[in-house]
Protein backbone atom coordinates (compact mmCIF):
# COMPACT_ATOMS: atom_id res chain seq x y z
CA UNK A 1 -263.39 -93.21 -56.03
CA UNK A 2 -261.06 -90.21 -56.11
CA UNK A 3 -262.92 -88.52 -53.25
CA UNK A 4 -262.74 -91.69 -51.16
CA UNK A 5 -258.98 -91.99 -51.72
CA UNK A 6 -258.46 -88.33 -50.84
CA UNK A 7 -260.55 -88.85 -47.70
CA UNK A 8 -258.53 -91.96 -46.80
CA UNK A 9 -255.29 -89.97 -47.08
CA UNK A 10 -256.56 -87.13 -44.91
CA UNK A 11 -258.14 -89.44 -42.35
CA UNK A 12 -255.06 -91.67 -42.04
CA UNK A 13 -252.57 -88.86 -41.66
CA UNK A 14 -254.86 -86.72 -39.51
CA UNK A 15 -255.58 -89.61 -37.17
CA UNK A 16 -251.88 -90.38 -36.80
CA UNK A 17 -250.83 -86.79 -36.14
CA UNK A 18 -253.79 -86.25 -33.84
CA UNK A 19 -252.95 -89.39 -31.88
CA UNK A 20 -249.37 -88.20 -31.42
CA UNK A 21 -250.59 -84.86 -30.07
CA UNK A 22 -253.06 -86.62 -27.75
CA UNK A 23 -250.37 -89.04 -26.57
CA UNK A 24 -247.95 -86.23 -25.74
CA UNK A 25 -250.47 -83.82 -24.25
CA UNK A 26 -252.79 -86.17 -22.38
CA UNK A 27 -251.54 -89.75 -22.03
CA UNK A 28 -248.00 -89.04 -20.86
CA UNK A 29 -248.99 -86.19 -18.57
CA UNK A 30 -251.91 -88.15 -17.17
CA UNK A 31 -249.87 -91.27 -16.53
CA UNK A 32 -247.29 -89.39 -14.50
CA UNK A 33 -249.94 -87.35 -12.67
CA UNK A 34 -252.32 -90.18 -11.75
CA UNK A 35 -250.30 -93.34 -11.22
CA UNK A 36 -248.62 -94.01 -7.91
CA UNK A 37 -245.05 -94.30 -9.22
CA UNK A 38 -242.96 -93.02 -12.10
CA UNK A 39 -242.10 -96.64 -12.94
CA UNK A 40 -245.78 -97.51 -13.39
CA UNK A 41 -246.31 -94.38 -15.46
CA UNK A 42 -243.35 -95.30 -17.65
CA UNK A 43 -244.77 -98.78 -18.22
CA UNK A 44 -248.14 -97.33 -19.22
CA UNK A 45 -246.54 -94.78 -21.54
CA UNK A 46 -244.42 -97.52 -23.13
CA UNK A 47 -247.45 -99.73 -23.65
CA UNK A 48 -249.54 -96.97 -25.21
CA UNK A 49 -246.60 -95.90 -27.37
CA UNK A 50 -246.54 -99.39 -28.88
CA UNK A 51 -250.20 -98.98 -29.84
CA UNK A 52 -249.54 -95.53 -31.25
CA UNK A 53 -246.71 -96.92 -33.36
CA UNK A 54 -248.86 -99.73 -34.74
CA UNK A 55 -251.62 -97.27 -35.56
CA UNK A 56 -249.09 -94.99 -37.23
CA UNK A 57 -247.69 -97.73 -39.42
CA UNK A 58 -251.20 -98.73 -40.51
CA UNK A 59 -251.98 -95.07 -41.24
CA UNK A 60 -248.76 -94.77 -43.25
CA UNK A 61 -249.69 -97.82 -45.34
CA UNK A 62 -253.17 -96.41 -46.01
CA UNK A 63 -251.78 -92.98 -46.90
CA UNK A 64 -249.16 -94.37 -49.29
CA UNK A 65 -251.55 -96.88 -50.89
CA UNK A 66 -254.20 -94.19 -51.42
CA UNK A 67 -251.56 -91.86 -52.87
CA UNK A 68 -250.41 -94.50 -55.35
CA UNK A 69 -254.01 -95.28 -56.27
CA UNK A 70 -254.77 -91.59 -56.83
CA UNK A 71 -251.81 -91.04 -59.14
CA UNK A 72 -252.19 -94.50 -60.71
CA UNK A 73 -248.41 -94.53 -60.72
CA UNK A 74 -245.38 -95.18 -58.56
CA UNK A 75 -244.54 -91.52 -59.11
CA UNK A 76 -246.54 -90.97 -55.94
CA UNK A 77 -243.36 -91.98 -54.11
CA UNK A 78 -241.70 -88.71 -55.12
CA UNK A 79 -244.56 -86.57 -53.79
CA UNK A 80 -243.22 -84.63 -50.77
CA UNK A 81 -246.14 -85.62 -48.52
CA UNK A 82 -245.64 -89.30 -49.35
CA UNK A 83 -241.89 -89.03 -48.74
CA UNK A 84 -242.67 -87.40 -45.40
CA UNK A 85 -245.04 -90.21 -44.40
CA UNK A 86 -242.48 -92.82 -45.43
CA UNK A 87 -239.88 -91.04 -43.29
CA UNK A 88 -242.36 -90.94 -40.40
CA UNK A 89 -242.87 -94.70 -40.74
CA UNK A 90 -239.12 -95.32 -40.87
CA UNK A 91 -238.53 -93.28 -37.70
CA UNK A 92 -241.41 -95.11 -36.01
CA UNK A 93 -239.89 -98.47 -36.94
CA UNK A 94 -236.51 -97.38 -35.54
CA UNK A 95 -238.18 -96.35 -32.29
CA UNK A 96 -240.35 -99.45 -31.95
CA UNK A 97 -237.80 -102.01 -33.15
CA UNK A 98 -234.54 -100.70 -31.71
CA UNK A 99 -234.91 -97.97 -29.10
CA UNK A 100 -237.88 -99.24 -27.08
CA UNK A 101 -236.65 -102.85 -26.81
CA UNK A 102 -233.28 -101.65 -25.51
CA UNK A 103 -235.08 -99.47 -22.96
CA UNK A 104 -237.20 -102.46 -21.89
CA UNK A 105 -234.09 -104.58 -21.28
CA UNK A 106 -232.50 -101.83 -19.20
CA UNK A 107 -235.75 -101.31 -17.27
CA UNK A 108 -235.82 -105.04 -16.48
CA UNK A 109 -232.19 -105.02 -15.32
CA UNK A 110 -232.74 -102.03 -13.07
CA UNK A 111 -236.06 -103.15 -11.61
CA UNK A 112 -236.94 -99.53 -10.91
CA UNK A 113 -235.70 -96.80 -13.21
CA UNK A 114 -236.68 -94.16 -10.70
CA UNK A 115 -234.74 -95.80 -7.85
CA UNK A 116 -231.61 -96.33 -9.95
CA UNK A 117 -229.04 -93.56 -9.45
CA UNK A 118 -228.25 -91.38 -12.44
CA UNK A 119 -224.60 -92.40 -12.04
CA UNK A 120 -225.44 -96.05 -12.83
CA UNK A 121 -224.41 -96.84 -16.42
CA UNK A 122 -227.74 -98.57 -17.09
CA UNK A 123 -229.69 -95.51 -15.95
CA UNK A 124 -227.46 -93.24 -18.05
CA UNK A 125 -228.05 -95.44 -21.11
CA UNK A 126 -231.79 -95.57 -20.38
CA UNK A 127 -231.95 -91.78 -20.09
CA UNK A 128 -230.00 -91.43 -23.35
CA UNK A 129 -232.38 -93.83 -25.13
CA UNK A 130 -235.36 -91.98 -23.65
CA UNK A 131 -234.03 -88.75 -25.13
CA UNK A 132 -233.67 -90.46 -28.51
CA UNK A 133 -237.22 -91.81 -28.22
CA UNK A 134 -238.63 -88.37 -27.44
CA UNK A 135 -236.64 -86.84 -30.30
CA UNK A 136 -237.91 -89.50 -32.72
CA UNK A 137 -241.52 -88.88 -31.66
CA UNK A 138 -241.01 -85.13 -31.99
CA UNK A 139 -239.56 -85.56 -35.47
CA UNK A 140 -242.47 -87.79 -36.50
CA UNK A 141 -244.90 -85.13 -35.26
CA UNK A 142 -243.16 -82.26 -37.07
CA UNK A 143 -242.85 -84.23 -40.30
CA UNK A 144 -246.49 -85.27 -39.91
CA UNK A 145 -247.61 -81.67 -39.60
CA UNK A 146 -245.62 -80.75 -42.70
CA UNK A 147 -246.97 -83.75 -44.62
CA UNK A 148 -250.52 -82.86 -43.60
CA UNK A 149 -250.02 -79.31 -44.86
CA UNK A 150 -248.52 -80.58 -48.14
CA UNK A 151 -251.28 -83.14 -48.65
CA UNK A 152 -253.98 -80.54 -47.97
CA UNK A 153 -252.29 -78.03 -50.25
CA UNK A 154 -252.13 -80.59 -53.06
CA UNK A 155 -255.88 -81.20 -52.76
CA UNK A 156 -256.52 -77.47 -53.14
CA UNK A 157 -254.46 -77.32 -56.34
């Protein structure tokens, strides 16, 4: 059972981090390169980001549950890798529950983000929220890489 729980931890975290890398390197670039407008690309990226977030939260739950089962104790919550995954989940929830819905409202008000002048207060707020969204995703990726390293290092010990 220990091997299965260790595998579950590695698979969950590796899948999440790998999906973030794929999203950033392939999905976003592809959407803006292939679709006919930046607005369509933004809608696709937003849609796929929602799926990535759901996957990430499921991965976080699996990672934390497997960690608790491995230690047979709530002391797992003080393990640095587990704390990192919990922080990743918290940042993901902030992005999905607060930042993205505000961006969606602004996108609806503007009709076309791309056609809205940068001087428009809605566009400025959208751009600000987009920066926050990118920063949150970047933080989740960096913390995920660190947590993966820590989790792998713990298995070697």
